[in-house]
C-alpha atoms as a PDB file:
ATOM      1  CA  UNK A   1      -0.732 -42.521  65.594  1.00  0.00           C
ATOM      2  CA  UNK A   2      -2.667 -44.190  62.188  1.00  0.00           C
ATOM      3  CA  UNK A   3      -1.067 -45.956  58.999  1.00  0.00           C
ATOM      4  CA  UNK A   4      -2.154 -42.747  57.118  1.00  0.00           C
ATOM      5  CA  UNK A   5      -2.891 -45.549  54.416  1.00  0.00           C
ATOM      6  CA  UNK A   6      -4.961 -42.254  53.208  1.00  0.00           C
ATOM      7  CA  UNK A   7      -1.899 -40.011  52.382  1.00  0.00           C
ATOM      8  CA  UNK A   8       0.737 -40.899  49.128  1.00  0.00           C
ATOM      9  CA  UNK A   9       4.062 -42.187  50.224  1.00  0.00           C
ATOM     10  CA  UNK A  10       5.881 -38.990  50.272  1.00  0.00           C
ATOM     11  CA  UNK A  11       3.757 -36.611  52.149  1.00  0.00           C
ATOM     12  CA  UNK A  12       2.957 -40.263  54.384  1.00  0.00           C
ATOM     13  CA  UNK A  13       6.037 -39.511  55.220  1.00  0.00           C
ATOM     14  CA  UNK A  14       6.712 -35.998  56.214  1.00  0.00           C
ATOM     15  CA  UNK A  15       3.080 -35.733  58.460  1.00  0.00           C
ATOM     16  CA  UNK A  16       4.819 -37.868  60.144  1.00  0.00           C
ATOM     17  CA  UNK A  17       7.247 -34.623  60.770  1.00  0.00           C
ATOM     18  CA  UNK A  18       7.314 -32.128  63.536  1.00  0.00           C
ATOM     19  CA  UNK A  19       4.529 -29.259  63.167  1.00  0.00           C
ATOM     20  CA  UNK A  20       7.209 -26.625  61.610  1.00  0.00           C
ATOM     21  CA  UNK A  21       8.370 -29.248  59.485  1.00  0.00           C
ATOM     22  CA  UNK A  22       5.309 -30.308  57.900  1.00  0.00           C
ATOM     23  CA  UNK A  23       3.631 -26.470  57.772  1.00  0.00           C
ATOM     24  CA  UNK A  24       7.432 -26.037  55.801  1.00  0.00           C
ATOM     25  CA  UNK A  25       6.125 -28.773  53.457  1.00  0.00           C
ATOM     26  CA  UNK A  26       2.805 -27.678  52.798  1.00  0.00           C
ATOM     27  CA  UNK A  27       3.928 -24.411  51.228  1.00  0.00           C
ATOM     28  CA  UNK A  28       5.550 -26.027  49.037  1.00  0.00           C
ATOM     29  CA  UNK A  29       3.290 -25.994  44.921  1.00  0.00           C
ATOM     30  CA  UNK A  30       2.848 -29.268  43.620  1.00  0.00           C
ATOM     31  CA  UNK A  31       1.139 -30.462  40.424  1.00  0.00           C
ATOM     32  CA  UNK A  32      -2.145 -31.946  41.130  1.00  0.00           C
ATOM     33  CA  UNK A  33      -3.741 -33.750  37.945  1.00  0.00           C
ATOM     34  CA  UNK A  34      -6.754 -33.218  36.685  1.00  0.00           C
ATOM     35  CA  UNK A  35      -9.078 -33.313  33.503  1.00  0.00           C
ATOM     36  CA  UNK A  36      -9.540 -29.556  31.595  1.00  0.00           C
ATOM     37  CA  UNK A  37      -5.386 -28.981  32.539  1.00  0.00           C
ATOM     38  CA  UNK A  38      -4.337 -32.705  31.185  1.00  0.00           C
ATOM     39  CA  UNK A  39      -6.256 -31.376  28.694  1.00  0.00           C
ATOM     40  CA  UNK A  40      -4.551 -28.191  28.299  1.00  0.00           C
ATOM     41  CA  UNK A  41      -1.203 -30.659  28.513  1.00  0.00           C
ATOM     42  CA  UNK A  42      -2.046 -33.152  25.783  1.00  0.00           C
ATOM     43  CA  UNK A  43      -2.703 -29.449  23.315  1.00  0.00           C
ATOM     44  CA  UNK A  44       0.822 -28.051  24.385  1.00  0.00           C
ATOM     45  CA  UNK A  45       2.208 -31.333  23.757  1.00  0.00           C
ATOM     46  CA  UNK A  46       0.778 -31.613  20.448  1.00  0.00           C
ATOM     47  CA  UNK A  47       2.005 -28.171  19.262  1.00  0.00           C
ATOM     48  CA  UNK A  48       5.185 -28.850  20.426  1.00  0.00           C
ATOM     49  CA  UNK A  49       5.146 -32.341  18.066  1.00  0.00           C
ATOM     50  CA  UNK A  50       3.861 -30.152  14.939  1.00  0.00           C
ATOM     51  CA  UNK A  51       6.500 -30.521  12.145  1.00  0.00           C
ATOM     52  CA  UNK A  52       7.337 -27.419  10.267  1.00  0.00           C
ATOM     53  CA  UNK A  53       5.748 -26.271   8.119  1.00  0.00           C
ATOM     54  CA  UNK A  54       3.374 -22.940   6.312  1.00  0.00           C
ATOM     55  CA  UNK A  55       1.028 -22.064   8.755  1.00  0.00           C
ATOM     56  CA  UNK A  56       2.162 -23.180  12.030  1.00  0.00           C
ATOM     57  CA  UNK A  57      -0.775 -23.654  14.535  1.00  0.00           C
ATOM     58  CA  UNK A  58      -1.103 -21.294  17.685  1.00  0.00           C
ATOM     59  CA  UNK A  59      -3.631 -21.238  21.101  1.00  0.00           C
ATOM     60  CA  UNK A  60      -4.607 -18.967  23.507  1.00  0.00           C
ATOM     61  CA  UNK A  61      -5.419 -20.475  26.725  1.00  0.00           C
ATOM     62  CA  UNK A  62      -7.431 -17.782  28.697  1.00  0.00           C
ATOM     63  CA  UNK A  63      -9.226 -18.448  32.451  1.00  0.00           C
ATOM     64  CA  UNK A  64      -9.564 -15.780  35.533  1.00  0.00           C
ATOM     65  CA  UNK A  65      -6.932 -15.156  37.465  1.00  0.00           C
ATOM     66  CA  UNK A  66      -5.406 -17.789  39.638  1.00  0.00           C
ATOM     67  CA  UNK A  67      -7.546 -20.309  37.779  1.00  0.00           C
ATOM     68  CA  UNK A  68      -4.242 -22.396  37.418  1.00  0.00           C
ATOM     69  CA  UNK A  69      -2.744 -21.318  33.668  1.00  0.00           C
ATOM     70  CA  UNK A  70       0.994 -20.401  35.032  1.00  0.00           C
ATOM     71  CA  UNK A  71       0.878 -24.242  37.004  1.00  0.00           C
ATOM     72  CA  UNK A  72      -0.154 -25.866  33.694  1.00  0.00           C
ATOM     73  CA  UNK A  73       2.807 -23.986  31.483  1.00  0.00           C
ATOM     74  CA  UNK A  74       5.757 -24.753  34.582  1.00  0.00           C
ATOM     75  CA  UNK A  75       4.617 -28.206  34.333  1.00  0.00           C
ATOM     76  CA  UNK A  76       5.411 -28.103  30.800  1.00  0.00           C
ATOM     77  CA  UNK A  77       8.409 -26.933  31.064  1.00  0.00           C
ATOM     78  CA  UNK A  78       9.606 -28.892  33.140  1.00  0.00           C
ATOM     79  CA  UNK A  79       8.637 -31.943  31.211  1.00  0.00           C
ATOM     80  CA  UNK A  80      10.601 -29.887  28.315  1.00  0.00           C
ATOM     81  CA  UNK A  81      14.403 -28.663  29.794  1.00  0.00           C
ATOM     82  CA  UNK A  82      17.112 -26.532  27.968  1.00  0.00           C
ATOM     83  CA  UNK A  83      19.617 -29.572  27.013  1.00  0.00           C
ATOM     84  CA  UNK A  84      23.298 -28.121  26.109  1.00  0.00           C
ATOM     85  CA  UNK A  85      24.032 -29.225  21.804  1.00  0.00           C
ATOM     86  CA  UNK A  86      27.300 -29.640  21.617  1.00  0.00           C
ATOM     87  CA  UNK A  87      27.739 -29.721  17.930  1.00  0.00           C
ATOM     88  CA  UNK A  88      26.205 -26.057  17.937  1.00  0.00           C
ATOM     89  CA  UNK A  89      28.478 -24.741  21.531  1.00  0.00           C
ATOM     90  CA  UNK A  90      24.209 -23.458  22.964  1.00  0.00           C
ATOM     91  CA  UNK A  91      21.227 -25.046  24.813  1.00  0.00           C
ATOM     92  CA  UNK A  92      18.477 -26.488  22.707  1.00  0.00           C
ATOM     93  CA  UNK A  93      15.422 -24.592  23.684  1.00  0.00           C
ATOM     94  CA  UNK A  94      12.426 -26.085  22.473  1.00  0.00           C
ATOM     95  CA  UNK A  95       9.884 -23.821  25.109  1.00  0.00           C
ATOM     96  CA  UNK A  96      10.676 -19.773  25.465  1.00  0.00           C
ATOM     97  CA  UNK A  97       8.132 -18.651  27.675  1.00  0.00           C
ATOM     98  CA  UNK A  98       7.508 -14.788  28.533  1.00  0.00           C
ATOM     99  CA  UNK A  99       5.783 -12.052  29.566  1.00  0.00           C
ATOM    100  CA  UNK A 100       4.058  -9.268  27.936  1.00  0.00           C
ATOM    101  CA  UNK A 101       5.414  -6.345  29.215  1.00  0.00           C
ATOM    102  CA  UNK A 102       2.588  -4.309  31.478  1.00  0.00           C
ATOM    103  CA  UNK A 103       3.055  -1.001  28.721  1.00  0.00           C
ATOM    104  CA  UNK A 104       3.354  -3.338  25.460  1.00  0.00           C
ATOM    105  CA  UNK A 105       5.303  -2.644  22.977  1.00  0.00           C
ATOM    106  CA  UNK A 106       7.747  -4.784  20.412  1.00  0.00           C
ATOM    107  CA  UNK A 107      10.650  -3.329  21.948  1.00  0.00           C
ATOM    108  CA  UNK A 108      10.023  -4.042  25.641  1.00  0.00           C
ATOM    109  CA  UNK A 109       8.413  -8.163  24.333  1.00  0.00           C
ATOM    110  CA  UNK A 110      11.670  -8.574  22.347  1.00  0.00           C
ATOM    111  CA  UNK A 111      13.649  -7.670  25.342  1.00  0.00           C
ATOM    112  CA  UNK A 112      11.205  -9.932  27.386  1.00  0.00           C
ATOM    113  CA  UNK A 113      12.229 -12.679  25.007  1.00  0.00           C
ATOM    114  CA  UNK A 114      16.216 -11.583  25.363  1.00  0.00           C
ATOM    115  CA  UNK A 115      16.166 -12.126  28.980  1.00  0.00           C
ATOM    116  CA  UNK A 116      14.451 -15.281  28.657  1.00  0.00           C
ATOM    117  CA  UNK A 117      17.160 -16.912  27.239  1.00  0.00           C
ATOM    118  CA  UNK A 118      19.418 -15.195  29.272  1.00  0.00           C
ATOM    119  CA  UNK A 119      21.100 -12.889  26.692  1.00  0.00           C
ATOM    120  CA  UNK A 120      22.652  -9.195  26.449  1.00  0.00           C
ATOM    121  CA  UNK A 121      19.970  -6.711  26.941  1.00  0.00           C
ATOM    122  CA  UNK A 122      19.598  -3.570  26.954  1.00  0.00           C
ATOM    123  CA  UNK A 123      16.479  -1.199  27.982  1.00  0.00           C
ATOM    124  CA  UNK A 124      18.106   1.878  25.947  1.00  0.00           C
ATOM    125  CA  UNK A 125      18.202   0.274  23.484  1.00  0.00           C
ATOM    126  CA  UNK A 126      16.756   0.919  20.063  1.00  0.00           C
ATOM    127  CA  UNK A 127      13.685  -1.377  18.697  1.00  0.00           C
ATOM    128  CA  UNK A 128      16.083  -2.088  15.296  1.00  0.00           C
ATOM    129  CA  UNK A 129      18.939  -3.463  17.844  1.00  0.00           C
ATOM    130  CA  UNK A 130      16.921  -5.652  20.201  1.00  0.00           C
ATOM    131  CA  UNK A 131      15.307  -7.038  17.157  1.00  0.00           C
ATOM    132  CA  UNK A 132      17.791  -8.210  15.660  1.00  0.00           C
ATOM    133  CA  UNK A 133      19.370  -9.760  17.493  1.00  0.00           C
ATOM    134  CA  UNK A 134      16.567 -11.700  19.424  1.00  0.00           C
ATOM    135  CA  UNK A 135      15.943 -12.953  15.593  1.00  0.00           C
ATOM    136  CA  UNK A 136      19.123 -14.726  15.381  1.00  0.00           C
ATOM    137  CA  UNK A 137      19.655 -15.771  18.105  1.00  0.00           C
ATOM    138  CA  UNK A 138      16.356 -17.482  17.988  1.00  0.00           C
ATOM    139  CA  UNK A 139      16.641 -19.155  14.300  1.00  0.00           C
ATOM    140  CA  UNK A 140      19.812 -20.400  16.051  1.00  0.00           C
ATOM    141  CA  UNK A 141      18.117 -22.107  18.536  1.00  0.00           C
ATOM    142  CA  UNK A 142      14.648 -22.982  17.140  1.00  0.00           C
ATOM    143  CA  UNK A 143      12.193 -23.137  19.736  1.00  0.00           C
ATOM    144  CA  UNK A 144       9.511 -25.558  19.071  1.00  0.00           C
ATOM    145  CA  UNK A 145       7.124 -23.449  21.223  1.00  0.00           C
ATOM    146  CA  UNK A 146       7.125 -19.737  22.395  1.00  0.00           C
ATOM    147  CA  UNK A 147       4.524 -19.179  25.438  1.00  0.00           C
ATOM    148  CA  UNK A 148       3.198 -15.280  26.339  1.00  0.00           C
ATOM    149  CA  UNK A 149       1.769 -15.189  29.382  1.00  0.00           C
ATOM    150  CA  UNK A 150      -1.040 -11.460  30.599  1.00  0.00           C
ATOM    151  CA  UNK A 151      -1.398 -11.458  26.701  1.00  0.00           C
ATOM    152  CA  UNK A 152      -4.218  -8.519  28.309  1.00  0.00           C
ATOM    153  CA  UNK A 153      -1.432  -6.365  29.106  1.00  0.00           C
ATOM    154  CA  UNK A 154      -2.044  -5.424  25.207  1.00  0.00           C
ATOM    155  CA  UNK A 155      -5.358  -3.653  26.219  1.00  0.00           C
ATOM    156  CA  UNK A 156      -2.959  -1.191  28.761  1.00  0.00           C
ATOM    157  CA  UNK A 157      -1.306  -0.301  25.313  1.00  0.00           C
ATOM    158  CA  UNK A 158      -2.487   2.432  22.973  1.00  0.00           C
ATOM    159  CA  UNK A 159      -4.140   0.976  19.385  1.00  0.00           C
ATOM    160  CA  UNK A 160      -1.138   1.103  18.015  1.00  0.00           C
ATOM    161  CA  UNK A 161       0.637  -0.584  20.366  1.00  0.00           C
ATOM    162  CA  UNK A 162      -1.673  -3.452  20.777  1.00  0.00           C
ATOM    163  CA  UNK A 163      -1.704  -3.715  16.655  1.00  0.00           C
ATOM    164  CA  UNK A 164       2.107  -3.576  16.362  1.00  0.00           C
ATOM    165  CA  UNK A 165       2.239  -6.239  19.328  1.00  0.00           C
ATOM    166  CA  UNK A 166      -0.001  -8.278  18.424  1.00  0.00           C
ATOM    167  CA  UNK A 167       1.645  -8.432  14.783  1.00  0.00           C
ATOM    168  CA  UNK A 168       4.788  -9.567  16.614  1.00  0.00           C
ATOM    169  CA  UNK A 169       3.305 -12.523  17.820  1.00  0.00           C
ATOM    170  CA  UNK A 170       1.983 -13.708  13.811  1.00  0.00           C
ATOM    171  CA  UNK A 171       5.317 -12.895  12.812  1.00  0.00           C
ATOM    172  CA  UNK A 172       7.152 -14.572  14.935  1.00  0.00           C
ATOM    173  CA  UNK A 173       5.595 -17.998  14.406  1.00  0.00           C
ATOM    174  CA  UNK A 174       5.794 -17.342  11.023  1.00  0.00           C
ATOM    175  CA  UNK A 175       9.002 -16.316  10.605  1.00  0.00           C
ATOM    176  CA  UNK A 176      10.429 -19.732  13.463  1.00  0.00           C
ATOM    177  CA  UNK A 177       8.042 -21.559  12.393  1.00  0.00           C
ATOM    178  CA  UNK A 178       7.385 -22.344  15.485  1.00  0.00           C
ATOM    179  CA  UNK A 179       3.861 -22.195  17.023  1.00  0.00           C
ATOM    180  CA  UNK A 180       3.127 -19.299  19.646  1.00  0.00           C
ATOM    181  CA  UNK A 181       0.542 -19.892  22.639  1.00  0.00           C
ATOM    182  CA  UNK A 182      -0.719 -16.695  24.545  1.00  0.00           C
ATOM    183  CA  UNK A 183      -1.980 -16.865  28.174  1.00  0.00           C
ATOM    184  CA  UNK A 184      -4.005 -13.903  29.789  1.00  0.00           C
ATOM    185  CA  UNK A 185      -7.542 -13.382  31.663  1.00  0.00           C
ATOM    186  CA  UNK A 186     -10.725 -13.077  30.050  1.00  0.00           C
ATOM    187  CA  UNK A 187      -9.403 -10.125  28.664  1.00  0.00           C
ATOM    188  CA  UNK A 188      -6.844 -11.781  27.153  1.00  0.00           C
ATOM    189  CA  UNK A 189     -10.214 -12.696  24.620  1.00  0.00           C
ATOM    190  CA  UNK A 190     -11.163  -9.285  23.947  1.00  0.00           C
ATOM    191  CA  UNK A 191      -7.243  -8.294  23.594  1.00  0.00           C
ATOM    192  CA  UNK A 192      -6.856 -11.545  21.049  1.00  0.00           C
ATOM    193  CA  UNK A 193     -10.103 -10.374  18.780  1.00  0.00           C
ATOM    194  CA  UNK A 194      -9.899  -6.868  18.249  1.00  0.00           C
ATOM    195  CA  UNK A 195      -7.822  -8.949  15.330  1.00  0.00           C
ATOM    196  CA  UNK A 196      -9.586 -11.054  13.219  1.00  0.00           C
ATOM    197  CA  UNK A 197      -6.523 -12.781  11.675  1.00  0.00           C
ATOM    198  CA  UNK A 198      -5.166 -13.271  15.185  1.00  0.00           C
ATOM    199  CA  UNK A 199      -8.140 -14.453  16.184  1.00  0.00           C
ATOM    200  CA  UNK A 200      -8.332 -16.892  13.734  1.00  0.00           C
ATOM    201  CA  UNK A 201      -4.869 -17.982  14.407  1.00  0.00           C
ATOM    202  CA  UNK A 202      -5.440 -18.584  17.881  1.00  0.00           C
ATOM    203  CA  UNK A 203      -8.288 -20.898  18.634  1.00  0.00           C
ATOM    204  CA  UNK A 204      -9.224 -20.355  22.261  1.00  0.00           C
ATOM    205  CA  UNK A 205      -8.924 -22.324  25.342  1.00  0.00           C
ATOM    206  CA  UNK A 206     -11.019 -21.529  28.605  1.00  0.00           C
ATOM    207  CA  UNK A 207      -9.812 -23.002  32.072  1.00  0.00           C
ATOM    208  CA  UNK A 208     -13.575 -22.343  33.910  1.00  0.00           C
ATOM    209  CA  UNK A 209     -14.165 -22.355  37.187  1.00  0.00           C
ATOM    210  CA  UNK A 210     -14.741 -24.835  39.511  1.00  0.00           C
ATOM    211  CA  UNK A 211     -18.508 -26.424  39.952  1.00  0.00           C
ATOM    212  CA  UNK A 212     -20.146 -28.981  42.531  1.00  0.00           C
ATOM    213  CA  UNK A 213     -18.976 -31.992  40.197  1.00  0.00           C
ATOM    214  CA  UNK A 214     -17.264 -35.795  40.657  1.00  0.00           C
ATOM    215  CA  UNK A 215     -14.027 -33.687  38.636  1.00  0.00           C
ATOM    216  CA  UNK A 216     -14.228 -31.106  41.801  1.00  0.00           C
ATOM    217  CA  UNK A 217     -14.694 -33.919  44.301  1.00  0.00           C
ATOM    218  CA  UNK A 218     -11.401 -35.766  42.033  1.00  0.00           C
ATOM    219  CA  UNK A 219      -9.283 -32.973  42.144  1.00  0.00           C
ATOM    220  CA  UNK A 220      -9.605 -32.837  46.038  1.00  0.00           C
ATOM    221  CA  UNK A 221      -9.446 -35.743  47.444  1.00  0.00           C
ATOM    222  CA  UNK A 222      -5.837 -35.521  44.994  1.00  0.00           C
ATOM    223  CA  UNK A 223      -5.088 -33.022  46.913  1.00  0.00           C
ATOM    224  CA  UNK A 224      -5.619 -34.851  50.378  1.00  0.00           C
ATOM    225  CA  UNK A 225      -3.369 -37.372  50.172  1.00  0.00           C
ATOM    226  CA  UNK A 226      -0.984 -34.332  49.441  1.00  0.00           C
ATOM    227  CA  UNK A 227      -1.740 -32.862  52.316  1.00  0.00           C
ATOM    228  CA  UNK A 228       0.623 -34.205  56.085  1.00  0.00           C
ATOM    229  CA  UNK A 229      -2.289 -34.452  57.855  1.00  0.00           C
ATOM    230  CA  UNK A 230      -2.302 -37.765  59.613  1.00  0.00           C
ATOM    231  CA  UNK A 231      -5.947 -38.063  59.946  1.00  0.00           C
ATOM    232  CA  UNK A 232      -8.632 -38.247  56.565  1.00  0.00           C
ATOM    233  CA  UNK A 233     -10.097 -35.249  55.958  1.00  0.00           C
ATOM    234  CA  UNK A 234     -12.798 -36.194  53.499  1.00  0.00           C
ATOM    235  CA  UNK A 235     -12.922 -33.235  51.637  1.00  0.00           C
ATOM    236  CA  UNK A 236     -14.969 -34.989  48.967  1.00  0.00           C
ATOM    237  CA  UNK A 237     -17.487 -34.224  51.755  1.00  0.00           C
ATOM    238  CA  UNK A 238     -20.921 -32.255  50.398  1.00  0.00           C
ATOM    239  CA  UNK A 239     -20.454 -29.661  52.881  1.00  0.00           C
ATOM    240  CA  UNK A 240     -16.840 -29.201  52.851  1.00  0.00           C
ATOM    241  CA  UNK A 241     -17.222 -29.049  48.837  1.00  0.00           C
ATOM    242  CA  UNK A 242     -19.898 -26.434  49.417  1.00  0.00           C
ATOM    243  CA  UNK A 243     -17.597 -24.544  51.892  1.00  0.00           C
ATOM    244  CA  UNK A 244     -14.581 -24.486  49.827  1.00  0.00           C
ATOM    245  CA  UNK A 245     -16.631 -23.489  46.415  1.00  0.00           C
ATOM    246  CA  UNK A 246     -18.387 -20.667  48.083  1.00  0.00           C
ATOM    247  CA  UNK A 247     -15.113 -18.922  49.292  1.00  0.00           C
ATOM    248  CA  UNK A 248     -12.548 -19.708  46.493  1.00  0.00           C
ATOM    249  CA  UNK A 249     -15.407 -18.923  44.003  1.00  0.00           C
ATOM    250  CA  UNK A 250     -14.359 -21.665  41.627  1.00  0.00           C
ATOM    251  CA  UNK A 251     -11.308 -20.003  41.546  1.00  0.00           C
ATOM    252  CA  UNK A 252      -8.150 -23.216  41.710  1.00  0.00           C
ATOM    253  CA  UNK A 253      -5.499 -20.828  43.698  1.00  0.00           C
ATOM    254  CA  UNK A 254      -8.348 -19.559  46.171  1.00  0.00           C
ATOM    255  CA  UNK A 255      -8.931 -23.335  46.835  1.00  0.00           C
ATOM    256  CA  UNK A 256      -5.359 -24.039  47.340  1.00  0.00           C
ATOM    257  CA  UNK A 257      -4.095 -21.671  49.942  1.00  0.00           C
ATOM    258  CA  UNK A 258      -7.717 -21.917  51.772  1.00  0.00           C
ATOM    259  CA  UNK A 259      -6.866 -26.427  52.465  1.00  0.00           C
ATOM    260  CA  UNK A 260      -3.389 -24.647  53.424  1.00  0.00           C
ATOM    261  CA  UNK A 261      -4.509 -22.614  55.326  1.00  0.00           C
ATOM    262  CA  UNK A 262      -7.481 -25.104  56.997  1.00  0.00           C
ATOM    263  CA  UNK A 263      -4.220 -28.004  57.027  1.00  0.00           C
ATOM    264  CA  UNK A 264      -1.902 -25.332  58.650  1.00  0.00           C
ATOM    265  CA  UNK A 265      -5.043 -24.786  61.220  1.00  0.00           C
ATOM    266  CA  UNK A 266      -5.644 -28.453  61.865  1.00  0.00           C
ATOM    267  CA  UNK A 267      -1.544 -29.057  62.493  1.00  0.00           C
ATOM    268  CA  UNK A 268      -1.451 -25.765  65.004  1.00  0.00           C
ATOM    269  CA  UNK A 269      -4.634 -27.165  67.027  1.00  0.00           C
ATOM    270  CA  UNK A 270      -3.989 -31.141  66.612  1.00  0.00           C
ATOM    271  CA  UNK A 271      -7.589 -31.587  65.035  1.00  0.00           C
ATOM    272  CA  UNK A 272      -5.205 -33.381  61.912  1.00  0.00           C
ATOM    273  CA  UNK A 273      -7.631 -33.300  59.778  1.00  0.00           C
ATOM    274  CA  UNK A 274      -9.653 -30.776  57.812  1.00  0.00           C
ATOM    275  CA  UNK A 275     -13.394 -30.329  59.406  1.00  0.00           C
ATOM    276  CA  UNK A 276     -15.988 -28.620  58.384  1.00  0.00           C
ATOM    277  CA  UNK A 277     -15.750 -26.204  61.261  1.00  0.00           C
ATOM    278  CA  UNK A 278     -11.683 -24.701  60.232  1.00  0.00           C
ATOM    279  CA  UNK A 279     -12.716 -24.678  56.107  1.00  0.00           C
ATOM    280  CA  UNK A 280     -15.398 -22.038  57.876  1.00  0.00           C
ATOM    281  CA  UNK A 281     -13.216 -20.455  60.055  1.00  0.00           C
ATOM    282  CA  UNK A 282     -10.897 -20.050  57.158  1.00  0.00           C
ATOM    283  CA  UNK A 283     -13.030 -19.074  54.525  1.00  0.00           C
ATOM    284  CA  UNK A 284     -14.473 -16.189  56.125  1.00  0.00           C
ATOM    285  CA  UNK A 285     -11.252 -14.918  57.403  1.00  0.00           C
ATOM    286  CA  UNK A 286     -10.129 -14.823  53.983  1.00  0.00           C
ATOM    287  CA  UNK A 287     -13.850 -13.536  52.396  1.00  0.00           C
ATOM    288  CA  UNK A 288     -12.873 -10.055  55.150  1.00  0.00           C
END
């Protein structure tokens, strides 16, 4: 067995486990820093630290499905977990994260907020009751950021429901004096731009597809340190980079899935490293 200096310390320990345990280790979500994600986290942190003012800054983060939006939000939420406030008898929650319902309606969005806060909610409740409960609780908790994922679902609603949901996002920011962050696919940009006031209130931040550049190579080098393989794979090799980009179309989630599957094969076959041949086979099987 090699000294495995190509691996991070925790991964080096995992690489000494039995194949079944190493494969289980592979399948656990892990955060990997890369410049665009760190930019997004920095913007979120700036919003969280913004003092109350008349017009709170907001943000739209958009990119294709699987590009890494949810991972960024989960990383941000883990950095700011709820903490119990003895004086209030409630939790201090800086970040409230919900999803835009598949059928966008004000009542359902308020319901999502109540569920995120572990508050009672019945889908049959009238809008006025759900709104009152949600706003009363939000004013007590005073979150600094409300994150609304899957904003592209707005396009599934009627023009009236779209306008009402967009106005609700703006209202929440104004009423609670907190920032609202919207996330979605490229369609989210179209949804937000149906209202000029909303578009100006939510500047957009794109998470683009990966390209063959140093940023992608650094991402792969960092990823390799977390794969419990006993031999270095040299993922920044040009052939491997090209294969990954071709098979994944530059989507972060697809890159991750390909590497994990290739690592599983490398463990099973005893290669202990990801080769261009292994990756090529995995890439072709993912296409067909």
